Amino acid sequence: MTRIFNAEFIRSCWQAEQFPRDRLPEVAFVGRSNVGKSLLINSLLQWKGLAKVSRTPGKTRSINFFRVSTADPLVRRFYVVDFPGYGYAKVAKSVRAQWGPIIEQYLRTRSELLGVLLLVDSRGVSPLDRETWEWLRTLGLEPVLVATKIDKLTRSERRGTLTMIREIFDVTGDEAVIPYSSVTHDGREELWRAIRKMFVTHNAS
């Protein structure tokens, strides 16, 4: 179990000039609205209420940075970067227009970015999820797939769902999709291993 010393919200950013400048590594969390990003971040970091949870889809409308300190010498300090959810039509067009440029600029140019976690709802993958996956890969990124809300499924349903997700995204191996529950915290250690792997890969390059 990765021991968390501290996790704190640093800032919400609407422009690239607002991004932190202390050069810490960053891991981005991407997913459609209401996929459970905030709950997962709180669960992963064992820090209740860190990322604000809302029942209203599309509530996160900026790129939010959370600074994390752990006891792990490899993953000692880094940022969790929470992206706005995609696919929620009721968000004003003007707001959606703001999201696009800053998000693409971040993903294309941010040298501190180690990797991306793409969260998909285990109860149903959206075509937008697949489109986002393909877009991230065109940017030279290899997202880690995380199937959220796995506690909503029975054990037998989970096996079928994970197989389906691997087929949709054309990935192989048990580690290609990480099942996660923010209620029971199943998948926490597997997700930490994936994050540690990002650091190892980055340090080796």
N, C-alpha and C. Protein backbone atom coordinates (compact mmCIF):
# COMPACT_ATOMS: atom_id res chain seq x y z
N MET A 1 0.84 -1.20 0.00
CA MET A 1 0.00 0.00 0.00
C MET A 1 0.88 1.25 0.00
N THR A 2 0.65 2.12 -0.96
CA THR A 2 1.41 3.37 -1.04
C THR A 2 0.94 4.32 0.06
N ARG A 3 1.86 4.75 0.88
CA ARG A 3 1.53 5.66 1.97
C ARG A 3 1.53 7.11 1.47
N ILE A 4 0.42 7.80 1.68
CA ILE A 4 0.28 9.19 1.24
C ILE A 4 0.60 10.11 2.41
N PHE A 5 1.59 10.97 2.24
CA PHE A 5 1.92 11.95 3.27
C PHE A 5 0.95 13.14 3.21
N ASN A 6 0.72 13.61 1.98
CA ASN A 6 -0.12 14.79 1.84
C ASN A 6 -0.70 14.84 0.43
N ALA A 7 -1.90 15.37 0.33
CA ALA A 7 -2.54 15.61 -0.96
C ALA A 7 -3.34 16.90 -0.82
N GLU A 8 -3.10 17.84 -1.72
CA GLU A 8 -3.78 19.13 -1.59
C GLU A 8 -4.13 19.71 -2.95
N PHE A 9 -5.28 20.36 -2.99
CA PHE A 9 -5.68 21.09 -4.18
C PHE A 9 -4.80 22.33 -4.31
N ILE A 10 -4.25 22.53 -5.51
CA ILE A 10 -3.38 23.68 -5.73
C ILE A 10 -4.10 24.80 -6.48
N ARG A 11 -4.68 24.47 -7.65
CA ARG A 11 -5.38 25.52 -8.38
C ARG A 11 -6.20 24.94 -9.53
N SER A 12 -7.17 25.74 -9.97
CA SER A 12 -7.92 25.47 -11.19
C SER A 12 -7.37 26.37 -12.28
N CYS A 13 -7.16 25.80 -13.45
CA CYS A 13 -6.54 26.55 -14.54
C CYS A 13 -7.45 26.62 -15.75
N TRP A 14 -7.59 27.83 -16.28
CA TRP A 14 -8.36 28.07 -17.49
C TRP A 14 -7.44 28.42 -18.66
N GLN A 15 -6.19 28.77 -18.35
CA GLN A 15 -5.21 29.14 -19.36
C GLN A 15 -3.88 28.47 -19.04
N ALA A 16 -3.09 28.21 -20.07
CA ALA A 16 -1.81 27.52 -19.88
C ALA A 16 -0.88 28.32 -18.97
N GLU A 17 -1.01 29.63 -18.99
CA GLU A 17 -0.14 30.47 -18.15
C GLU A 17 -0.36 30.22 -16.66
N GLN A 18 -1.49 29.58 -16.33
CA GLN A 18 -1.81 29.33 -14.93
C GLN A 18 -1.27 27.99 -14.44
N PHE A 19 -0.75 27.15 -15.34
CA PHE A 19 -0.25 25.85 -14.92
C PHE A 19 0.90 26.01 -13.92
N PRO A 20 1.03 25.08 -12.96
CA PRO A 20 2.16 25.14 -12.02
C PRO A 20 3.50 25.12 -12.74
N ARG A 21 4.47 25.77 -12.14
CA ARG A 21 5.78 25.90 -12.78
C ARG A 21 6.91 25.25 -11.98
N ASP A 22 6.55 24.39 -11.03
CA ASP A 22 7.61 23.79 -10.20
C ASP A 22 8.16 22.50 -10.79
N ARG A 23 7.75 22.16 -12.01
CA ARG A 23 8.35 21.08 -12.80
C ARG A 23 8.16 19.69 -12.21
N LEU A 24 7.18 19.50 -11.36
CA LEU A 24 6.92 18.16 -10.83
C LEU A 24 6.25 17.31 -11.91
N PRO A 25 6.48 15.99 -11.87
CA PRO A 25 5.81 15.10 -12.82
C PRO A 25 4.29 15.18 -12.65
N GLU A 26 3.56 14.88 -13.74
CA GLU A 26 2.10 14.98 -13.72
C GLU A 26 1.45 13.76 -14.35
N VAL A 27 0.34 13.34 -13.75
CA VAL A 27 -0.47 12.24 -14.28
C VAL A 27 -1.88 12.78 -14.48
N ALA A 28 -2.38 12.69 -15.72
CA ALA A 28 -3.68 13.26 -16.06
C ALA A 28 -4.79 12.22 -15.98
N PHE A 29 -5.94 12.63 -15.45
CA PHE A 29 -7.13 11.80 -15.34
C PHE A 29 -8.17 12.33 -16.32
N VAL A 30 -8.56 11.49 -17.28
CA VAL A 30 -9.46 11.90 -18.35
C VAL A 30 -10.66 10.96 -18.37
N GLY A 31 -11.84 11.49 -18.65
CA GLY A 31 -13.02 10.63 -18.75
C GLY A 31 -14.26 11.46 -19.01
N ARG A 32 -15.32 10.79 -19.44
CA ARG A 32 -16.53 11.53 -19.73
C ARG A 32 -17.21 11.99 -18.43
N SER A 33 -18.12 12.93 -18.57
CA SER A 33 -18.82 13.46 -17.41
C SER A 33 -19.52 12.35 -16.63
N ASN A 34 -19.41 12.43 -15.32
CA ASN A 34 -20.09 11.49 -14.41
C ASN A 34 -19.49 10.08 -14.44
N VAL A 35 -18.24 9.95 -14.92
CA VAL A 35 -17.60 8.64 -14.92
C VAL A 35 -17.04 8.29 -13.54
N GLY A 36 -16.95 9.30 -12.67
CA GLY A 36 -16.45 9.06 -11.31
C GLY A 36 -15.01 9.45 -11.09
N LYS A 37 -14.52 10.44 -11.83
CA LYS A 37 -13.12 10.85 -11.68
C LYS A 37 -12.81 11.37 -10.28
N SER A 38 -13.67 12.27 -9.78
CA SER A 38 -13.41 12.87 -8.47
C SER A 38 -13.42 11.82 -7.36
N LEU A 39 -14.39 10.92 -7.41
CA LEU A 39 -14.45 9.85 -6.41
C LEU A 39 -13.22 8.96 -6.48
N LEU A 40 -12.78 8.66 -7.70
CA LEU A 40 -11.61 7.80 -7.85
C LEU A 40 -10.35 8.49 -7.33
N ILE A 41 -10.20 9.76 -7.62
CA ILE A 41 -9.03 10.49 -7.12
C ILE A 41 -9.00 10.49 -5.60
N ASN A 42 -10.15 10.74 -4.98
CA ASN A 42 -10.22 10.71 -3.51
C ASN A 42 -9.89 9.34 -2.97
N SER A 43 -10.38 8.29 -3.64
CA SER A 43 -10.11 6.92 -3.20
C SER A 43 -8.64 6.56 -3.38
N LEU A 44 -8.10 6.88 -4.55
CA LEU A 44 -6.70 6.54 -4.83
C LEU A 44 -5.76 7.21 -3.84
N LEU A 45 -6.02 8.47 -3.53
CA LEU A 45 -5.14 9.24 -2.65
C LEU A 45 -5.51 9.11 -1.19
N GLN A 46 -6.60 8.36 -0.92
CA GLN A 46 -7.06 8.14 0.46
C GLN A 46 -7.24 9.48 1.18
N TRP A 47 -7.89 10.42 0.48
CA TRP A 47 -8.03 11.78 1.00
C TRP A 47 -9.45 12.24 0.75
N LYS A 48 -10.31 11.97 1.69
CA LYS A 48 -11.73 12.25 1.52
C LYS A 48 -11.99 13.73 1.28
N GLY A 49 -12.78 14.02 0.26
CA GLY A 49 -13.18 15.39 -0.02
C GLY A 49 -12.15 16.22 -0.75
N LEU A 50 -11.03 15.61 -1.17
CA LEU A 50 -9.99 16.37 -1.87
C LEU A 50 -10.52 16.92 -3.19
N ALA A 51 -10.96 16.02 -4.06
CA ALA A 51 -11.59 16.44 -5.31
C ALA A 51 -13.09 16.56 -5.06
N LYS A 52 -13.66 17.68 -5.38
CA LYS A 52 -15.06 17.93 -5.08
C LYS A 52 -15.96 17.07 -5.96
N VAL A 53 -16.88 16.36 -5.32
CA VAL A 53 -17.79 15.47 -6.01
C VAL A 53 -19.13 16.17 -6.18
N SER A 54 -19.67 16.11 -7.39
CA SER A 54 -20.97 16.72 -7.66
C SER A 54 -21.87 15.71 -8.35
N ARG A 55 -23.16 15.79 -8.04
CA ARG A 55 -24.14 14.96 -8.74
C ARG A 55 -24.52 15.56 -10.09
N THR A 56 -24.02 16.75 -10.37
CA THR A 56 -24.33 17.41 -11.62
C THR A 56 -23.23 17.14 -12.64
N PRO A 57 -23.51 16.39 -13.70
CA PRO A 57 -22.48 16.13 -14.72
C PRO A 57 -21.96 17.42 -15.32
N GLY A 58 -20.66 17.43 -15.64
CA GLY A 58 -20.07 18.61 -16.26
C GLY A 58 -19.68 19.67 -15.26
N LYS A 59 -19.64 19.34 -13.98
CA LYS A 59 -19.34 20.34 -12.95
C LYS A 59 -17.90 20.83 -13.05
N THR A 60 -16.96 19.93 -13.33
CA THR A 60 -15.56 20.32 -13.47
C THR A 60 -15.38 21.01 -14.81
N ARG A 61 -15.04 22.29 -14.79
CA ARG A 61 -14.95 23.06 -16.03
C ARG A 61 -13.57 23.69 -16.21
N SER A 62 -12.61 23.22 -15.47
CA SER A 62 -11.24 23.72 -15.61
C SER A 62 -10.31 22.53 -15.42
N ILE A 63 -9.03 22.74 -15.68
CA ILE A 63 -8.04 21.70 -15.38
C ILE A 63 -7.57 21.93 -13.95
N ASN A 64 -7.80 20.94 -13.10
CA ASN A 64 -7.49 21.08 -11.68
C ASN A 64 -6.23 20.30 -11.31
N PHE A 65 -5.36 20.95 -10.55
CA PHE A 65 -4.09 20.36 -10.15
C PHE A 65 -4.09 20.05 -8.65
N PHE A 66 -3.72 18.81 -8.32
CA PHE A 66 -3.59 18.37 -6.93
C PHE A 66 -2.15 17.88 -6.71
N ARG A 67 -1.48 18.44 -5.73
CA ARG A 67 -0.10 18.04 -5.44
C ARG A 67 -0.09 16.93 -4.41
N VAL A 68 0.66 15.87 -4.70
CA VAL A 68 0.66 14.67 -3.88
C VAL A 68 2.08 14.36 -3.41
N SER A 69 2.21 14.00 -2.13
CA SER A 69 3.49 13.55 -1.57
C SER A 69 3.28 12.17 -0.97
N THR A 70 4.19 11.24 -1.29
CA THR A 70 4.07 9.87 -0.80
C THR A 70 5.38 9.40 -0.17
N ALA A 71 5.30 8.23 0.46
CA ALA A 71 6.48 7.62 1.06
C ALA A 71 7.29 6.83 0.05
N ASP A 72 6.75 6.65 -1.13
CA ASP A 72 7.42 5.87 -2.17
C ASP A 72 8.54 6.70 -2.78
N PRO A 73 9.80 6.26 -2.70
CA PRO A 73 10.91 7.07 -3.23
C PRO A 73 10.83 7.30 -4.74
N LEU A 74 10.14 6.42 -5.45
CA LEU A 74 10.02 6.59 -6.89
C LEU A 74 8.94 7.61 -7.25
N VAL A 75 7.88 7.62 -6.45
CA VAL A 75 6.72 8.50 -6.71
C VAL A 75 6.60 9.48 -5.54
N ARG A 76 7.68 10.16 -5.25
CA ARG A 76 7.72 10.96 -4.03
C ARG A 76 6.80 12.18 -4.09
N ARG A 77 6.87 12.92 -5.18
CA ARG A 77 6.02 14.11 -5.33
C ARG A 77 5.58 14.24 -6.78
N PHE A 78 4.29 14.49 -6.99
CA PHE A 78 3.80 14.66 -8.35
C PHE A 78 2.43 15.34 -8.29
N TYR A 79 1.93 15.69 -9.47
CA TYR A 79 0.60 16.28 -9.57
C TYR A 79 -0.38 15.28 -10.17
N VAL A 80 -1.55 15.20 -9.57
CA VAL A 80 -2.71 14.60 -10.21
C VAL A 80 -3.42 15.73 -10.94
N VAL A 81 -3.69 15.53 -12.22
CA VAL A 81 -4.30 16.57 -13.04
C VAL A 81 -5.68 16.08 -13.49
N ASP A 82 -6.71 16.76 -13.01
CA ASP A 82 -8.10 16.36 -13.25
C ASP A 82 -8.67 17.19 -14.38
N PHE A 83 -9.01 16.51 -15.50
CA PHE A 83 -9.55 17.19 -16.67
C PHE A 83 -11.06 17.34 -16.57
N PRO A 84 -11.61 18.33 -17.27
CA PRO A 84 -13.08 18.41 -17.36
C PRO A 84 -13.63 17.17 -18.05
N GLY A 85 -14.79 16.71 -17.61
CA GLY A 85 -15.43 15.58 -18.26
C GLY A 85 -15.92 15.96 -19.65
N TYR A 86 -15.88 15.01 -20.56
CA TYR A 86 -16.36 15.30 -21.92
C TYR A 86 -17.72 14.65 -22.14
N GLY A 87 -18.43 15.18 -23.13
CA GLY A 87 -19.66 14.53 -23.57
C GLY A 87 -20.94 14.98 -22.90
N TYR A 88 -20.87 16.06 -22.09
CA TYR A 88 -22.10 16.51 -21.44
C TYR A 88 -22.67 17.70 -22.19
N ALA A 89 -23.76 17.50 -22.88
CA ALA A 89 -24.28 18.48 -23.83
C ALA A 89 -24.77 19.76 -23.17
N LYS A 90 -25.19 19.72 -21.90
CA LYS A 90 -25.81 20.90 -21.29
C LYS A 90 -24.79 21.96 -20.89
N VAL A 91 -23.50 21.64 -20.95
CA VAL A 91 -22.50 22.68 -20.70
C VAL A 91 -22.53 23.64 -21.88
N ALA A 92 -22.49 24.91 -21.58
CA ALA A 92 -22.59 25.92 -22.63
C ALA A 92 -21.50 25.76 -23.68
N LYS A 93 -21.88 26.07 -24.93
CA LYS A 93 -20.92 25.94 -26.03
C LYS A 93 -19.69 26.79 -25.80
N SER A 94 -19.87 27.96 -25.19
CA SER A 94 -18.74 28.85 -24.94
C SER A 94 -17.74 28.21 -24.00
N VAL A 95 -18.25 27.46 -23.01
CA VAL A 95 -17.37 26.77 -22.07
C VAL A 95 -16.66 25.62 -22.76
N ARG A 96 -17.40 24.85 -23.56
CA ARG A 96 -16.79 23.74 -24.27
C ARG A 96 -15.71 24.24 -25.23
N ALA A 97 -15.93 25.40 -25.82
CA ALA A 97 -14.96 25.98 -26.74
C ALA A 97 -13.67 26.34 -26.00
N GLN A 98 -13.80 26.72 -24.72
CA GLN A 98 -12.62 27.03 -23.93
C GLN A 98 -11.85 25.76 -23.58
N TRP A 99 -12.58 24.68 -23.33
CA TRP A 99 -11.91 23.43 -22.95
C TRP A 99 -10.94 22.95 -24.02
N GLY A 100 -11.44 22.92 -25.27
CA GLY A 100 -10.68 22.28 -26.34
C GLY A 100 -9.25 22.76 -26.48
N PRO A 101 -9.03 24.06 -26.70
CA PRO A 101 -7.67 24.55 -26.92
C PRO A 101 -6.72 24.31 -25.75
N ILE A 102 -7.18 24.56 -24.52
CA ILE A 102 -6.27 24.41 -23.39
C ILE A 102 -5.93 22.94 -23.15
N ILE A 103 -6.91 22.06 -23.36
CA ILE A 103 -6.65 20.64 -23.15
C ILE A 103 -5.69 20.11 -24.20
N GLU A 104 -5.93 20.48 -25.45
CA GLU A 104 -5.02 20.00 -26.50
C GLU A 104 -3.62 20.57 -26.32
N GLN A 105 -3.53 21.84 -25.94
CA GLN A 105 -2.22 22.43 -25.70
C GLN A 105 -1.50 21.70 -24.59
N TYR A 106 -2.23 21.40 -23.52
CA TYR A 106 -1.61 20.67 -22.41
C TYR A 106 -1.09 19.32 -22.87
N LEU A 107 -1.93 18.54 -23.54
CA LEU A 107 -1.55 17.18 -23.94
C LEU A 107 -0.42 17.17 -24.97
N ARG A 108 -0.39 18.18 -25.83
CA ARG A 108 0.63 18.21 -26.88
C ARG A 108 1.98 18.72 -26.38
N THR A 109 1.96 19.65 -25.43
CA THR A 109 3.20 20.38 -25.13
C THR A 109 3.70 20.24 -23.70
N ARG A 110 2.90 19.71 -22.80
CA ARG A 110 3.29 19.71 -21.39
C ARG A 110 4.38 18.68 -21.13
N SER A 111 5.60 19.13 -20.94
CA SER A 111 6.74 18.22 -20.76
C SER A 111 6.68 17.45 -19.44
N GLU A 112 5.95 17.99 -18.46
CA GLU A 112 5.85 17.33 -17.16
C GLU A 112 4.90 16.13 -17.18
N LEU A 113 4.11 15.98 -18.23
CA LEU A 113 3.12 14.92 -18.30
C LEU A 113 3.79 13.56 -18.49
N LEU A 114 3.57 12.66 -17.52
CA LEU A 114 4.12 11.31 -17.60
C LEU A 114 3.18 10.35 -18.29
N GLY A 115 1.88 10.52 -18.08
CA GLY A 115 0.93 9.59 -18.65
C GLY A 115 -0.49 10.01 -18.39
N VAL A 116 -1.40 9.30 -19.04
CA VAL A 116 -2.83 9.61 -18.96
C VAL A 116 -3.60 8.37 -18.54
N LEU A 117 -4.51 8.55 -17.60
CA LEU A 117 -5.46 7.51 -17.22
C LEU A 117 -6.79 7.84 -17.85
N LEU A 118 -7.28 6.95 -18.71
CA LEU A 118 -8.58 7.16 -19.35
C LEU A 118 -9.62 6.34 -18.61
N LEU A 119 -10.54 7.02 -17.94
CA LEU A 119 -11.56 6.36 -17.14
C LEU A 119 -12.80 6.11 -17.99
N VAL A 120 -13.28 4.88 -17.97
CA VAL A 120 -14.52 4.52 -18.67
C VAL A 120 -15.45 3.84 -17.68
N ASP A 121 -16.74 4.02 -17.85
CA ASP A 121 -17.73 3.43 -16.96
C ASP A 121 -17.87 1.94 -17.28
N SER A 122 -17.65 1.10 -16.29
CA SER A 122 -17.70 -0.35 -16.51
C SER A 122 -19.08 -0.82 -16.95
N ARG A 123 -20.11 0.01 -16.70
CA ARG A 123 -21.48 -0.39 -17.05
C ARG A 123 -21.83 -0.07 -18.51
N GLY A 124 -20.93 0.62 -19.19
CA GLY A 124 -21.21 0.94 -20.58
C GLY A 124 -20.20 1.90 -21.16
N VAL A 125 -19.49 1.49 -22.20
CA VAL A 125 -18.50 2.34 -22.85
C VAL A 125 -19.19 3.19 -23.91
N SER A 126 -18.88 4.47 -23.93
CA SER A 126 -19.45 5.40 -24.89
C SER A 126 -18.58 5.47 -26.15
N PRO A 127 -19.19 5.72 -27.31
CA PRO A 127 -18.38 5.96 -28.51
C PRO A 127 -17.37 7.09 -28.31
N LEU A 128 -17.73 8.07 -27.47
CA LEU A 128 -16.79 9.16 -27.18
C LEU A 128 -15.54 8.66 -26.46
N ASP A 129 -15.69 7.59 -25.67
CA ASP A 129 -14.54 7.01 -24.99
C ASP A 129 -13.54 6.48 -26.01
N ARG A 130 -14.06 5.75 -26.98
CA ARG A 130 -13.20 5.20 -28.03
C ARG A 130 -12.56 6.32 -28.85
N GLU A 131 -13.33 7.34 -29.18
CA GLU A 131 -12.80 8.47 -29.93
C GLU A 131 -11.70 9.18 -29.16
N THR A 132 -11.91 9.33 -27.85
CA THR A 132 -10.89 9.98 -27.01
C THR A 132 -9.63 9.14 -26.95
N TRP A 133 -9.79 7.84 -26.83
CA TRP A 133 -8.67 6.90 -26.82
C TRP A 133 -7.83 7.06 -28.10
N GLU A 134 -8.51 7.08 -29.25
CA GLU A 134 -7.81 7.20 -30.52
C GLU A 134 -7.12 8.55 -30.64
N TRP A 135 -7.80 9.61 -30.18
CA TRP A 135 -7.22 10.95 -30.25
C TRP A 135 -5.96 11.05 -29.39
N LEU A 136 -6.03 10.51 -28.18
CA LEU A 136 -4.85 10.53 -27.30
C LEU A 136 -3.68 9.80 -27.93
N ARG A 137 -3.97 8.72 -28.61
CA ARG A 137 -2.89 7.95 -29.25
C ARG A 137 -2.29 8.70 -30.43
N THR A 138 -3.10 9.48 -31.14
CA THR A 138 -2.55 10.29 -32.23
C THR A 138 -1.61 11.37 -31.69
N LEU A 139 -1.79 11.73 -30.42
CA LEU A 139 -0.90 12.70 -29.78
C LEU A 139 0.37 12.06 -29.24
N GLY A 140 0.52 10.75 -29.48
CA GLY A 140 1.70 10.05 -29.01
C GLY A 140 1.60 9.53 -27.60
N LEU A 141 0.39 9.52 -27.04
CA LEU A 141 0.17 9.05 -25.67
C LEU A 141 -0.39 7.63 -25.70
N GLU A 142 -0.09 6.86 -24.67
CA GLU A 142 -0.63 5.51 -24.52
C GLU A 142 -1.44 5.47 -23.23
N PRO A 143 -2.71 5.79 -23.28
CA PRO A 143 -3.51 5.89 -22.06
C PRO A 143 -3.65 4.54 -21.36
N VAL A 144 -3.73 4.58 -20.04
CA VAL A 144 -4.05 3.41 -19.24
C VAL A 144 -5.56 3.41 -19.03
N LEU A 145 -6.21 2.32 -19.38
CA LEU A 145 -7.67 2.22 -19.25
C LEU A 145 -8.06 1.82 -17.83
N VAL A 146 -8.99 2.56 -17.24
CA VAL A 146 -9.49 2.27 -15.90
C VAL A 146 -11.01 2.15 -15.98
N ALA A 147 -11.54 0.98 -15.63
CA ALA A 147 -12.99 0.74 -15.64
C ALA A 147 -13.55 1.08 -14.27
N THR A 148 -14.30 2.17 -14.18
CA THR A 148 -14.82 2.65 -12.90
C THR A 148 -16.13 1.97 -12.51
N LYS A 149 -16.51 2.17 -11.26
CA LYS A 149 -17.80 1.71 -10.72
C LYS A 149 -17.97 0.20 -10.86
N ILE A 150 -16.87 -0.53 -10.71
CA ILE A 150 -16.91 -1.98 -10.88
C ILE A 150 -17.74 -2.65 -9.79
N ASP A 151 -17.95 -1.95 -8.67
CA ASP A 151 -18.77 -2.51 -7.59
C ASP A 151 -20.24 -2.61 -7.97
N LYS A 152 -20.64 -1.92 -9.05
CA LYS A 152 -22.02 -1.98 -9.50
C LYS A 152 -22.33 -3.29 -10.24
N LEU A 153 -21.29 -4.08 -10.52
CA LEU A 153 -21.46 -5.31 -11.28
C LEU A 153 -21.21 -6.53 -10.40
N THR A 154 -21.84 -7.64 -10.74
CA THR A 154 -21.56 -8.90 -10.05
C THR A 154 -20.22 -9.43 -10.53
N ARG A 155 -19.70 -10.43 -9.82
CA ARG A 155 -18.41 -11.01 -10.20
C ARG A 155 -18.44 -11.54 -11.62
N SER A 156 -19.51 -12.23 -11.97
CA SER A 156 -19.58 -12.79 -13.33
C SER A 156 -19.73 -11.69 -14.37
N GLU A 157 -20.47 -10.63 -14.05
CA GLU A 157 -20.62 -9.51 -14.97
C GLU A 157 -19.29 -8.80 -15.19
N ARG A 158 -18.46 -8.75 -14.16
CA ARG A 158 -17.17 -8.08 -14.29
C ARG A 158 -16.31 -8.74 -15.35
N ARG A 159 -16.25 -10.06 -15.32
CA ARG A 159 -15.41 -10.77 -16.29
C ARG A 159 -15.83 -10.45 -17.72
N GLY A 160 -17.14 -10.53 -17.96
CA GLY A 160 -17.63 -10.23 -19.30
C GLY A 160 -17.39 -8.79 -19.70
N THR A 161 -17.57 -7.87 -18.76
CA THR A 161 -17.37 -6.45 -19.04
C THR A 161 -15.92 -6.14 -19.38
N LEU A 162 -15.00 -6.69 -18.62
CA LEU A 162 -13.58 -6.43 -18.88
C LEU A 162 -13.16 -7.00 -20.23
N THR A 163 -13.70 -8.16 -20.58
CA THR A 163 -13.42 -8.73 -21.90
C THR A 163 -13.95 -7.81 -22.99
N MET A 164 -15.17 -7.31 -22.80
CA MET A 164 -15.77 -6.41 -23.79
C MET A 164 -14.95 -5.14 -23.95
N ILE A 165 -14.50 -4.55 -22.84
CA ILE A 165 -13.71 -3.32 -22.91
C ILE A 165 -12.39 -3.56 -23.64
N ARG A 166 -11.75 -4.68 -23.35
CA ARG A 166 -10.50 -5.00 -24.06
C ARG A 166 -10.74 -5.12 -25.56
N GLU A 167 -11.87 -5.69 -25.93
CA GLU A 167 -12.19 -5.84 -27.36
C GLU A 167 -12.49 -4.48 -28.00
N ILE A 168 -13.24 -3.63 -27.31
CA ILE A 168 -13.59 -2.32 -27.85
C ILE A 168 -12.34 -1.48 -28.13
N PHE A 169 -11.39 -1.56 -27.21
CA PHE A 169 -10.19 -0.74 -27.34
C PHE A 169 -9.02 -1.50 -27.98
N ASP A 170 -9.28 -2.76 -28.34
CA ASP A 170 -8.28 -3.57 -29.03
C ASP A 170 -6.98 -3.67 -28.23
N VAL A 171 -7.12 -4.03 -26.96
CA VAL A 171 -5.96 -4.24 -26.10
C VAL A 171 -6.01 -5.66 -25.56
N THR A 172 -4.87 -6.18 -25.16
CA THR A 172 -4.79 -7.55 -24.68
C THR A 172 -4.12 -7.62 -23.32
N GLY A 173 -4.38 -8.70 -22.60
CA GLY A 173 -3.75 -8.91 -21.30
C GLY A 173 -4.62 -8.44 -20.16
N ASP A 174 -4.49 -9.12 -19.02
CA ASP A 174 -5.30 -8.78 -17.86
C ASP A 174 -5.00 -7.38 -17.34
N GLU A 175 -3.77 -6.90 -17.54
CA GLU A 175 -3.38 -5.59 -17.02
C GLU A 175 -3.75 -4.45 -17.97
N ALA A 176 -4.35 -4.77 -19.12
CA ALA A 176 -4.69 -3.74 -20.10
C ALA A 176 -5.82 -2.84 -19.62
N VAL A 177 -6.68 -3.37 -18.76
CA VAL A 177 -7.79 -2.60 -18.19
C VAL A 177 -7.78 -2.82 -16.68
N ILE A 178 -7.76 -1.74 -15.92
CA ILE A 178 -7.75 -1.83 -14.46
C ILE A 178 -9.17 -1.61 -13.94
N PRO A 179 -9.81 -2.65 -13.35
CA PRO A 179 -11.14 -2.45 -12.75
C PRO A 179 -11.00 -1.73 -11.42
N TYR A 180 -11.86 -0.73 -11.18
CA TYR A 180 -11.71 0.08 -9.97
C TYR A 180 -13.07 0.37 -9.35
N SER A 181 -13.10 0.32 -8.02
CA SER A 181 -14.27 0.74 -7.26
C SER A 181 -13.86 1.80 -6.25
N SER A 182 -14.47 2.97 -6.35
CA SER A 182 -14.20 4.02 -5.37
C SER A 182 -14.93 3.79 -4.06
N VAL A 183 -15.81 2.78 -4.04
CA VAL A 183 -16.55 2.42 -2.83
C VAL A 183 -15.76 1.42 -2.00
N THR A 184 -15.31 0.35 -2.64
CA THR A 184 -14.56 -0.71 -1.93
C THR A 184 -13.05 -0.52 -2.05
N HIS A 185 -12.63 0.36 -2.96
CA HIS A 185 -11.22 0.64 -3.25
C HIS A 185 -10.52 -0.53 -3.95
N ASP A 186 -11.29 -1.48 -4.47
CA ASP A 186 -10.70 -2.52 -5.30
C ASP A 186 -10.01 -1.87 -6.50
N GLY A 187 -8.80 -2.31 -6.78
CA GLY A 187 -8.04 -1.77 -7.90
C GLY A 187 -7.04 -0.70 -7.51
N ARG A 188 -7.05 -0.28 -6.26
CA ARG A 188 -6.15 0.81 -5.85
C ARG A 188 -4.69 0.44 -6.04
N GLU A 189 -4.31 -0.74 -5.59
CA GLU A 189 -2.90 -1.15 -5.72
C GLU A 189 -2.51 -1.32 -7.18
N GLU A 190 -3.44 -1.86 -7.98
CA GLU A 190 -3.15 -2.04 -9.41
C GLU A 190 -2.95 -0.68 -10.10
N LEU A 191 -3.74 0.30 -9.69
CA LEU A 191 -3.62 1.62 -10.30
C LEU A 191 -2.31 2.29 -9.87
N TRP A 192 -1.94 2.11 -8.61
CA TRP A 192 -0.66 2.65 -8.16
C TRP A 192 0.51 2.01 -8.92
N ARG A 193 0.39 0.71 -9.20
CA ARG A 193 1.45 0.06 -9.98
C ARG A 193 1.55 0.66 -11.38
N ALA A 194 0.40 0.97 -11.97
CA ALA A 194 0.41 1.59 -13.29
C ALA A 194 1.07 2.97 -13.25
N ILE A 195 0.80 3.73 -12.20
CA ILE A 195 1.41 5.06 -12.06
C ILE A 195 2.91 4.93 -11.84
N ARG A 196 3.31 3.97 -11.01
CA ARG A 196 4.75 3.76 -10.79
C ARG A 196 5.44 3.39 -12.10
N LYS A 197 4.76 2.60 -12.93
CA LYS A 197 5.33 2.21 -14.22
C LYS A 197 5.55 3.43 -15.10
N MET A 198 4.65 4.42 -15.02
CA MET A 198 4.85 5.66 -15.78
C MET A 198 6.16 6.33 -15.36
N PHE A 199 6.42 6.35 -14.06
CA PHE A 199 7.65 6.97 -13.56
C PHE A 199 8.87 6.19 -14.02
N VAL A 200 8.80 4.86 -13.96
CA VAL A 200 9.92 4.03 -14.39
C VAL A 200 10.23 4.26 -15.86
N THR A 201 9.17 4.26 -16.67
CA THR A 201 9.35 4.47 -18.12
C THR A 201 9.94 5.84 -18.40
N HIS A 202 9.43 6.85 -17.69
CA HIS A 202 9.94 8.21 -17.88
C HIS A 202 11.41 8.32 -17.47
N ASN A 203 11.77 7.72 -16.35
CA ASN A 203 13.14 7.81 -15.85
C ASN A 203 14.11 7.05 -16.73
N ALA A 204 13.60 6.04 -17.44
CA ALA A 204 14.47 5.23 -18.30
C ALA A 204 14.68 5.87 -19.67
N SER A 205 13.84 6.85 -20.01
CA SER A 205 13.93 7.47 -21.34
C SER A 205 14.98 8.57 -21.39
